[in-house]
Amino acid sequence: VLLAAQKVMNKQGKMVIRHVNETISEVFEIT
């Protein structure tokens, strides 16, 4: 879902993710 949203926002502006905890940050790093 995040990837799909990023693709849409790349065309019309920007997408920012804030206040990411350590567990989710690790998921972003690994993937």
Full PDB file with SEQRES, HELIX, SHEET, SSBOND, CRYST1, ORIGX, SCALE, CONECT and MASTER records, all heavy atoms in Angstrom:
SEQRES   1 A   31  VAL LEU LEU ALA ALA GLN LYS VAL MET ASN LYS GLN GLY          
SEQRES   2 A   31  LYS MET VAL ILE ARG HIS VAL ASN GLU THR ILE SER GLU          
SEQRES   3 A   31  VAL PHE GLU ILE THR                                          
HELIX    1 AA1 LEU A    2  GLN A   12  1                                  11    
HELIX    2 AA2 GLU A   22  ILE A   30  1                                   9    
CRYST1    1.000    1.000    1.000  90.00  90.00  90.00 P 1           1          
ORIGX1      1.000000  0.000000  0.000000        0.00000                         
ORIGX2      0.000000  1.000000  0.000000        0.00000                         
ORIGX3      0.000000  0.000000  1.000000        0.00000                         
SCALE1      1.000000  0.000000  0.000000        0.00000                         
SCALE2      0.000000  1.000000  0.000000        0.00000                         
SCALE3      0.000000  0.000000  1.000000        0.00000                         
ATOM      1  N   VAL A   1       0.838  -1.204   0.000  1.00  0.00           N  
ATOM      2  CA  VAL A   1       0.000   0.000   0.000  1.00  0.00           C  
ATOM      3  C   VAL A   1       0.873   1.255   0.000  1.00  0.00           C  
ATOM      4  O   VAL A   1       0.599   2.221  -0.714  1.00  0.00           O  
ATOM      5  CB  VAL A   1      -0.967   0.003   1.206  1.00  0.00           C  
ATOM      6  CG1 VAL A   1      -1.747   1.305   1.287  1.00  0.00           C  
ATOM      7  CG2 VAL A   1      -1.923  -1.178   1.122  1.00  0.00           C  
ATOM      8  N   LEU A   2       1.949   1.234   0.787  1.00  0.00           N  
ATOM      9  CA  LEU A   2       2.862   2.382   0.835  1.00  0.00           C  
ATOM     10  C   LEU A   2       3.526   2.616  -0.517  1.00  0.00           C  
ATOM     11  O   LEU A   2       3.669   3.753  -0.957  1.00  0.00           O  
ATOM     12  CB  LEU A   2       3.928   2.180   1.910  1.00  0.00           C  
ATOM     13  CG  LEU A   2       3.435   2.146   3.354  1.00  0.00           C  
ATOM     14  CD1 LEU A   2       4.608   1.904   4.301  1.00  0.00           C  
ATOM     15  CD2 LEU A   2       2.708   3.417   3.720  1.00  0.00           C  
ATOM     16  N   LEU A   3       3.923   1.539  -1.181  1.00  0.00           N  
ATOM     17  CA  LEU A   3       4.558   1.652  -2.491  1.00  0.00           C  
ATOM     18  C   LEU A   3       3.593   2.238  -3.518  1.00  0.00           C  
ATOM     19  O   LEU A   3       3.957   3.111  -4.304  1.00  0.00           O  
ATOM     20  CB  LEU A   3       5.066   0.282  -2.946  1.00  0.00           C  
ATOM     21  CG  LEU A   3       5.884   0.250  -4.227  1.00  0.00           C  
ATOM     22  CD1 LEU A   3       7.136   1.112  -4.100  1.00  0.00           C  
ATOM     23  CD2 LEU A   3       6.274  -1.183  -4.566  1.00  0.00           C  
ATOM     24  N   ALA A   4       2.351   1.784  -3.491  1.00  0.00           N  
ATOM     25  CA  ALA A   4       1.341   2.306  -4.417  1.00  0.00           C  
ATOM     26  C   ALA A   4       1.109   3.805  -4.168  1.00  0.00           C  
ATOM     27  O   ALA A   4       1.013   4.591  -5.114  1.00  0.00           O  
ATOM     28  CB  ALA A   4       0.036   1.528  -4.260  1.00  0.00           C  
ATOM     29  N   ALA A   5       1.048   4.183  -2.898  1.00  0.00           N  
ATOM     30  CA  ALA A   5       0.848   5.597  -2.554  1.00  0.00           C  
ATOM     31  C   ALA A   5       2.044   6.427  -3.009  1.00  0.00           C  
ATOM     32  O   ALA A   5       1.880   7.537  -3.524  1.00  0.00           O  
ATOM     33  CB  ALA A   5       0.641   5.749  -1.050  1.00  0.00           C  
ATOM     34  N   GLN A   6       3.255   5.885  -2.844  1.00  0.00           N  
ATOM     35  CA  GLN A   6       4.462   6.601  -3.255  1.00  0.00           C  
ATOM     36  C   GLN A   6       4.447   6.848  -4.761  1.00  0.00           C  
ATOM     37  O   GLN A   6       4.801   7.924  -5.223  1.00  0.00           O  
ATOM     38  CB  GLN A   6       5.710   5.806  -2.857  1.00  0.00           C  
ATOM     39  CG  GLN A   6       7.027   6.484  -3.221  1.00  0.00           C  
ATOM     40  CD  GLN A   6       7.270   7.749  -2.423  1.00  0.00           C  
ATOM     41  OE1 GLN A   6       7.389   7.701  -1.221  1.00  0.00           O  
ATOM     42  NE2 GLN A   6       7.334   8.886  -3.088  1.00  0.00           N  
ATOM     43  N   LYS A   7       4.011   5.861  -5.539  1.00  0.00           N  
ATOM     44  CA  LYS A   7       3.945   6.013  -6.997  1.00  0.00           C  
ATOM     45  C   LYS A   7       2.981   7.132  -7.388  1.00  0.00           C  
ATOM     46  O   LYS A   7       3.282   7.938  -8.265  1.00  0.00           O  
ATOM     47  CB  LYS A   7       3.520   4.695  -7.651  1.00  0.00           C  
ATOM     48  CG  LYS A   7       4.616   3.663  -7.667  1.00  0.00           C  
ATOM     49  CD  LYS A   7       4.155   2.393  -8.344  1.00  0.00           C  
ATOM     50  CE  LYS A   7       5.272   1.371  -8.368  1.00  0.00           C  
ATOM     51  NZ  LYS A   7       4.858   0.107  -8.975  1.00  0.00           N  
ATOM     52  N   VAL A   8       1.837   7.202  -6.735  1.00  0.00           N  
ATOM     53  CA  VAL A   8       0.862   8.261  -7.016  1.00  0.00           C  
ATOM     54  C   VAL A   8       1.444   9.612  -6.625  1.00  0.00           C  
ATOM     55  O   VAL A   8       1.375  10.579  -7.388  1.00  0.00           O  
ATOM     56  CB  VAL A   8      -0.465   8.003  -6.254  1.00  0.00           C  
ATOM     57  CG1 VAL A   8      -1.389   9.209  -6.349  1.00  0.00           C  
ATOM     58  CG2 VAL A   8      -1.152   6.758  -6.785  1.00  0.00           C  
ATOM     59  N   MET A   9       2.035   9.691  -5.435  1.00  0.00           N  
ATOM     60  CA  MET A   9       2.541  10.974  -4.939  1.00  0.00           C  
ATOM     61  C   MET A   9       3.765  11.448  -5.727  1.00  0.00           C  
ATOM     62  O   MET A   9       4.009  12.645  -5.798  1.00  0.00           O  
ATOM     63  CB  MET A   9       2.848  10.890  -3.441  1.00  0.00           C  
ATOM     64  CG  MET A   9       1.599  10.739  -2.568  1.00  0.00           C  
ATOM     65  SD  MET A   9       0.266  11.926  -2.915  1.00  0.00           S  
ATOM     66  CE  MET A   9       1.067  13.467  -2.477  1.00  0.00           C  
ATOM     67  N   ASN A  10       4.524  10.541  -6.325  1.00  0.00           N  
ATOM     68  CA  ASN A  10       5.650  10.947  -7.174  1.00  0.00           C  
ATOM     69  C   ASN A  10       5.160  11.801  -8.343  1.00  0.00           C  
ATOM     70  O   ASN A  10       5.878  12.669  -8.823  1.00  0.00           O  
ATOM     71  CB  ASN A  10       6.405   9.731  -7.718  1.00  0.00           C  
ATOM     72  CG  ASN A  10       7.339   9.124  -6.694  1.00  0.00           C  
ATOM     73  OD1 ASN A  10       7.663   9.738  -5.679  1.00  0.00           O  
ATOM     74  ND2 ASN A  10       7.765   7.895  -6.936  1.00  0.00           N  
ATOM     75  N   LYS A  11       3.936  11.560  -8.805  1.00  0.00           N  
ATOM     76  CA  LYS A  11       3.374  12.292  -9.936  1.00  0.00           C  
ATOM     77  C   LYS A  11       2.753  13.626  -9.525  1.00  0.00           C  
ATOM     78  O   LYS A  11       2.689  14.538 -10.328  1.00  0.00           O  
ATOM     79  CB  LYS A  11       2.303  11.441 -10.629  1.00  0.00           C  
ATOM     80  CG  LYS A  11       2.847  10.198 -11.272  1.00  0.00           C  
ATOM     81  CD  LYS A  11       1.740   9.340 -11.835  1.00  0.00           C  
ATOM     82  CE  LYS A  11       2.317   8.030 -12.334  1.00  0.00           C  
ATOM     83  NZ  LYS A  11       1.308   6.998 -12.488  1.00  0.00           N  
ATOM     84  N   GLN A  12       2.291  13.715  -8.279  1.00  0.00           N  
ATOM     85  CA  GLN A  12       1.549  14.918  -7.893  1.00  0.00           C  
ATOM     86  C   GLN A  12       2.148  15.689  -6.727  1.00  0.00           C  
ATOM     87  O   GLN A  12       1.613  16.718  -6.336  1.00  0.00           O  
ATOM     88  CB  GLN A  12       0.086  14.572  -7.616  1.00  0.00           C  
ATOM     89  CG  GLN A  12      -0.142  13.663  -6.417  1.00  0.00           C  
ATOM     90  CD  GLN A  12      -1.577  13.168  -6.340  1.00  0.00           C  
ATOM     91  OE1 GLN A  12      -2.114  12.643  -7.310  1.00  0.00           O  
ATOM     92  NE2 GLN A  12      -2.207  13.338  -5.198  1.00  0.00           N  
ATOM     93  N   GLY A  13       3.258  15.214  -6.189  1.00  0.00           N  
ATOM     94  CA  GLY A  13       3.864  15.939  -5.065  1.00  0.00           C  
ATOM     95  C   GLY A  13       4.867  15.082  -4.322  1.00  0.00           C  
ATOM     96  O   GLY A  13       5.719  14.459  -4.932  1.00  0.00           O  
ATOM     97  N   LYS A  14       4.722  15.029  -2.996  1.00  0.00           N  
ATOM     98  CA  LYS A  14       5.682  14.267  -2.195  1.00  0.00           C  
ATOM     99  C   LYS A  14       4.965  13.508  -1.086  1.00  0.00           C  
ATOM    100  O   LYS A  14       3.865  13.870  -0.669  1.00  0.00           O  
ATOM    101  CB  LYS A  14       6.730  15.194  -1.587  1.00  0.00           C  
ATOM    102  CG  LYS A  14       6.157  16.181  -0.580  1.00  0.00           C  
ATOM    103  CD  LYS A  14       7.229  17.014   0.084  1.00  0.00           C  
ATOM    104  CE  LYS A  14       6.557  17.943   1.102  1.00  0.00           C  
ATOM    105  NZ  LYS A  14       7.444  18.487   2.060  1.00  0.00           N  
ATOM    106  N   MET A  15       5.622  12.451  -0.628  1.00  0.00           N  
ATOM    107  CA  MET A  15       5.117  11.655   0.484  1.00  0.00           C  
ATOM    108  C   MET A  15       6.235  11.522   1.509  1.00  0.00           C  
ATOM    109  O   MET A  15       7.373  11.230   1.142  1.00  0.00           O  
ATOM    110  CB  MET A  15       4.690  10.270  -0.006  1.00  0.00           C  
ATOM    111  CG  MET A  15       4.149   9.372   1.091  1.00  0.00           C  
ATOM    112  SD  MET A  15       3.478   7.829   0.445  1.00  0.00           S  
ATOM    113  CE  MET A  15       4.768   6.690   0.938  1.00  0.00           C  
ATOM    114  N   VAL A  16       5.889  11.758   2.769  1.00  0.00           N  
ATOM    115  CA  VAL A  16       6.859  11.684   3.854  1.00  0.00           C  
ATOM    116  C   VAL A  16       6.293  10.787   4.951  1.00  0.00           C  
ATOM    117  O   VAL A  16       5.108  10.881   5.282  1.00  0.00           O  
ATOM    118  CB  VAL A  16       7.148  13.091   4.441  1.00  0.00           C  
ATOM    119  CG1 VAL A  16       8.087  13.006   5.624  1.00  0.00           C  
ATOM    120  CG2 VAL A  16       7.703  14.015   3.378  1.00  0.00           C  
ATOM    121  N   ILE A  17       7.145   9.941   5.508  1.00  0.00           N  
ATOM    122  CA  ILE A  17       6.743   9.105   6.638  1.00  0.00           C  
ATOM    123  C   ILE A  17       7.498   9.602   7.865  1.00  0.00           C  
ATOM    124  O   ILE A  17       8.727   9.749   7.832  1.00  0.00           O  
ATOM    125  CB  ILE A  17       7.045   7.621   6.370  1.00  0.00           C  
ATOM    126  CG1 ILE A  17       6.280   7.157   5.129  1.00  0.00           C  
ATOM    127  CG2 ILE A  17       6.683   6.774   7.589  1.00  0.00           C  
ATOM    128  CD1 ILE A  17       6.584   5.761   4.684  1.00  0.00           C  
ATOM    129  N   ARG A  18       6.752   9.875   8.933  1.00  0.00           N  
ATOM    130  CA  ARG A  18       7.351  10.435  10.146  1.00  0.00           C  
ATOM    131  C   ARG A  18       7.122   9.541  11.357  1.00  0.00           C  
ATOM    132  O   ARG A  18       6.191   8.753  11.385  1.00  0.00           O  
ATOM    133  CB  ARG A  18       6.742  11.815  10.437  1.00  0.00           C  
ATOM    134  CG  ARG A  18       7.100  12.835   9.391  1.00  0.00           C  
ATOM    135  CD  ARG A  18       6.652  14.215   9.794  1.00  0.00           C  
ATOM    136  NE  ARG A  18       7.113  15.171   8.788  1.00  0.00           N  
ATOM    137  CZ  ARG A  18       6.455  16.262   8.459  1.00  0.00           C  
ATOM    138  NH1 ARG A  18       5.337  16.565   9.064  1.00  0.00           N  
ATOM    139  NH2 ARG A  18       6.937  17.069   7.533  1.00  0.00           N  
ATOM    140  N   HIS A  19       7.966   9.729  12.357  1.00  0.00           N  
ATOM    141  CA  HIS A  19       7.855   9.067  13.665  1.00  0.00           C  
ATOM    142  C   HIS A  19       7.856   7.540  13.555  1.00  0.00           C  
ATOM    143  O   HIS A  19       6.994   6.874  14.119  1.00  0.00           O  
ATOM    144  CB  HIS A  19       6.603   9.545  14.406  1.00  0.00           C  
ATOM    145  CG  HIS A  19       6.517  11.033  14.505  1.00  0.00           C  
ATOM    146  ND1 HIS A  19       5.463  11.744  14.008  1.00  0.00           N  
ATOM    147  CD2 HIS A  19       7.377  11.953  15.011  1.00  0.00           C  
ATOM    148  CE1 HIS A  19       5.653  13.036  14.221  1.00  0.00           C  
ATOM    149  NE2 HIS A  19       6.822  13.189  14.823  1.00  0.00           N  
ATOM    150  N   VAL A  20       8.820   7.016  12.829  1.00  0.00           N  
ATOM    151  CA  VAL A  20       8.934   5.571  12.624  1.00  0.00           C  
ATOM    152  C   VAL A  20       9.685   4.960  13.802  1.00  0.00           C  
ATOM    153  O   VAL A  20      10.774   5.412  14.150  1.00  0.00           O  
ATOM    154  CB  VAL A  20       9.682   5.280  11.298  1.00  0.00           C  
ATOM    155  CG1 VAL A  20       9.866   3.794  11.096  1.00  0.00           C  
ATOM    156  CG2 VAL A  20       8.940   5.893  10.125  1.00  0.00           C  
ATOM    157  N   ASN A  21       9.098   3.921  14.404  1.00  0.00           N  
ATOM    158  CA  ASN A  21       9.786   3.261  15.521  1.00  0.00           C  
ATOM    159  C   ASN A  21      10.875   2.319  15.006  1.00  0.00           C  
ATOM    160  O   ASN A  21      11.014   2.100  13.806  1.00  0.00           O  
ATOM    161  CB  ASN A  21       8.790   2.543  16.448  1.00  0.00           C  
ATOM    162  CG  ASN A  21       8.151   1.318  15.808  1.00  0.00           C  
ATOM    163  OD1 ASN A  21       8.736   0.648  14.966  1.00  0.00           O  
ATOM    164  ND2 ASN A  21       6.930   1.025  16.210  1.00  0.00           N  
ATOM    165  N   GLU A  22      11.645   1.774  15.916  1.00  0.00           N  
ATOM    166  CA  GLU A  22      12.803   0.944  15.559  1.00  0.00           C  
ATOM    167  C   GLU A  22      12.408  -0.309  14.777  1.00  0.00           C  
ATOM    168  O   GLU A  22      13.065  -0.681  13.809  1.00  0.00           O  
ATOM    169  CB  GLU A  22      13.544   0.550  16.842  1.00  0.00           C  
ATOM    170  CG  GLU A  22      14.995   0.237  16.610  1.00  0.00           C  
ATOM    171  CD  GLU A  22      15.738   0.012  17.924  1.00  0.00           C  
ATOM    172  OE1 GLU A  22      15.746   0.932  18.767  1.00  0.00           O  
ATOM    173  OE2 GLU A  22      16.270  -1.084  18.085  1.00  0.00           O  
ATOM    174  N   THR A  23      11.319  -0.950  15.175  1.00  0.00           N  
ATOM    175  CA  THR A  23      10.873  -2.182  14.516  1.00  0.00           C  
ATOM    176  C   THR A  23      10.504  -1.923  13.056  1.00  0.00           C  
ATOM    177  O   THR A  23      10.929  -2.652  12.155  1.00  0.00           O  
ATOM    178  CB  THR A  23       9.648  -2.765  15.257  1.00  0.00           C  
ATOM    179  OG1 THR A  23       9.999  -2.971  16.621  1.00  0.00           O  
ATOM    180  CG2 THR A  23       9.201  -4.072  14.639  1.00  0.00           C  
ATOM    181  N   ILE A  24       9.738  -0.873  12.816  1.00  0.00           N  
ATOM    182  CA  ILE A  24       9.308  -0.561  11.453  1.00  0.00           C  
ATOM    183  C   ILE A  24      10.477  -0.024  10.628  1.00  0.00           C  
ATOM    184  O   ILE A  24      10.607  -0.332   9.446  1.00  0.00           O  
ATOM    185  CB  ILE A  24       8.110   0.403  11.479  1.00  0.00           C  
ATOM    186  CG1 ILE A  24       6.913  -0.356  12.076  1.00  0.00           C  
ATOM    187  CG2 ILE A  24       7.790   0.933  10.097  1.00  0.00           C  
ATOM    188  CD1 ILE A  24       5.718   0.461  12.379  1.00  0.00           C  
ATOM    189  N   SER A  25      11.354   0.712  11.267  1.00  0.00           N  
ATOM    190  CA  SER A  25      12.556   1.196  10.590  1.00  0.00           C  
ATOM    191  C   SER A  25      13.389   0.014  10.085  1.00  0.00           C  
ATOM    192  O   SER A  25      13.922   0.042   8.977  1.00  0.00           O  
ATOM    193  CB  SER A  25      13.374   2.051  11.559  1.00  0.00           C  
ATOM    194  OG  SER A  25      14.500   2.569  10.915  1.00  0.00           O  
ATOM    195  N   GLU A  26      13.459  -1.025  10.893  1.00  0.00           N  
ATOM    196  CA  GLU A  26      14.200  -2.235  10.510  1.00  0.00           C  
ATOM    197  C   GLU A  26      13.545  -2.909   9.303  1.00  0.00           C  
ATOM    198  O   GLU A  26      14.238  -3.372   8.391  1.00  0.00           O  
ATOM    199  CB  GLU A  26      14.238  -3.199  11.701  1.00  0.00           C  
ATOM    200  CG  GLU A  26      15.277  -4.284  11.555  1.00  0.00           C  
ATOM    201  CD  GLU A  26      15.402  -5.093  12.833  1.00  0.00           C  
ATOM    202  OE1 GLU A  26      15.836  -4.530  13.857  1.00  0.00           O  
ATOM    203  OE2 GLU A  26      15.050  -6.292  12.792  1.00  0.00           O  
ATOM    204  N   VAL A  27      12.223  -2.947   9.265  1.00  0.00           N  
ATOM    205  CA  VAL A  27      11.500  -3.514   8.121  1.00  0.00           C  
ATOM    206  C   VAL A  27      11.845  -2.722   6.854  1.00  0.00           C  
ATOM    207  O   VAL A  27      12.120  -3.299   5.802  1.00  0.00           O  
ATOM    208  CB  VAL A  27       9.967  -3.506   8.361  1.00  0.00           C  
ATOM    209  CG1 VAL A  27       9.206  -3.870   7.091  1.00  0.00           C  
ATOM    210  CG2 VAL A  27       9.599  -4.455   9.485  1.00  0.00           C  
ATOM    211  N   PHE A  28      11.847  -1.385   6.963  1.00  0.00           N  
ATOM    212  CA  PHE A  28      12.198  -0.539   5.812  1.00  0.00           C  
ATOM    213  C   PHE A  28      13.627  -0.802   5.352  1.00  0.00           C  
ATOM    214  O   PHE A  28      13.893  -0.842   4.152  1.00  0.00           O  
ATOM    215  CB  PHE A  28      12.023   0.943   6.151  1.00  0.00           C  
ATOM    216  CG  PHE A  28      10.594   1.411   6.235  1.00  0.00           C  
ATOM    217  CD1 PHE A  28      10.253   2.458   7.065  1.00  0.00           C  
ATOM    218  CD2 PHE A  28       9.590   0.821   5.477  1.00  0.00           C  
ATOM    219  CE1 PHE A  28       8.940   2.911   7.144  1.00  0.00           C  
ATOM    220  CE2 PHE A  28       8.278   1.267   5.546  1.00  0.00           C  
ATOM    221  CZ  PHE A  28       7.954   2.312   6.378  1.00  0.00           C  
ATOM    222  N   GLU A  29      14.551  -0.972   6.286  1.00  0.00           N  
ATOM    223  CA  GLU A  29      15.956  -1.230   5.947  1.00  0.00           C  
ATOM    224  C   GLU A  29      16.115  -2.576   5.234  1.00  0.00           C  
ATOM    225  O   GLU A  29      16.749  -2.659   4.185  1.00  0.00           O  
ATOM    226  CB  GLU A  29      16.826  -1.219   7.211  1.00  0.00           C  
ATOM    227  CG  GLU A  29      17.048   0.150   7.810  1.00  0.00           C  
ATOM    228  CD  GLU A  29      17.881   1.067   6.930  1.00  0.00           C  
ATOM    229  OE1 GLU A  29      18.812   0.582   6.258  1.00  0.00           O  
ATOM    230  OE2 GLU A  29      17.588   2.278   6.917  1.00  0.00           O  
ATOM    231  N   ILE A  30      15.537  -3.617   5.813  1.00  0.00           N  
ATOM    232  CA  ILE A  30      15.686  -4.978   5.275  1.00  0.00           C  
ATOM    233  C   ILE A  30      15.087  -5.096   3.873  1.00  0.00           C  
ATOM    234  O   ILE A  30      15.638  -5.762   2.995  1.00  0.00           O  
ATOM    235  CB  ILE A  30      15.039  -6.010   6.230  1.00  0.00           C  
ATOM    236  CG1 ILE A  30      15.879  -6.117   7.508  1.00  0.00           C  
ATOM    237  CG2 ILE A  30      14.903  -7.376   5.579  1.00  0.00           C  
ATOM    238  CD1 ILE A  30      15.212  -6.883   8.625  1.00  0.00           C  
ATOM    239  N   THR A  31      13.941  -4.427   3.654  1.00  0.00           N  
ATOM    240  CA  THR A  31      13.246  -4.546   2.371  1.00  0.00           C  
ATOM    241  C   THR A  31      13.782  -3.574   1.311  1.00  0.00           C  
ATOM    242  O   THR A  31      13.404  -3.671   0.152  1.00  0.00           O  
ATOM    243  CB  THR A  31      11.734  -4.287   2.547  1.00  0.00           C  
ATOM    244  OG1 THR A  31      11.554  -2.976   3.108  1.00  0.00           O  
ATOM    245  CG2 THR A  31      11.101  -5.329   3.435  1.00  0.00           C  
TER     246      THR A  31                                                      
MASTER        0    0    0    2    0    0    0    6  245    1    0    3          
END                                                                             
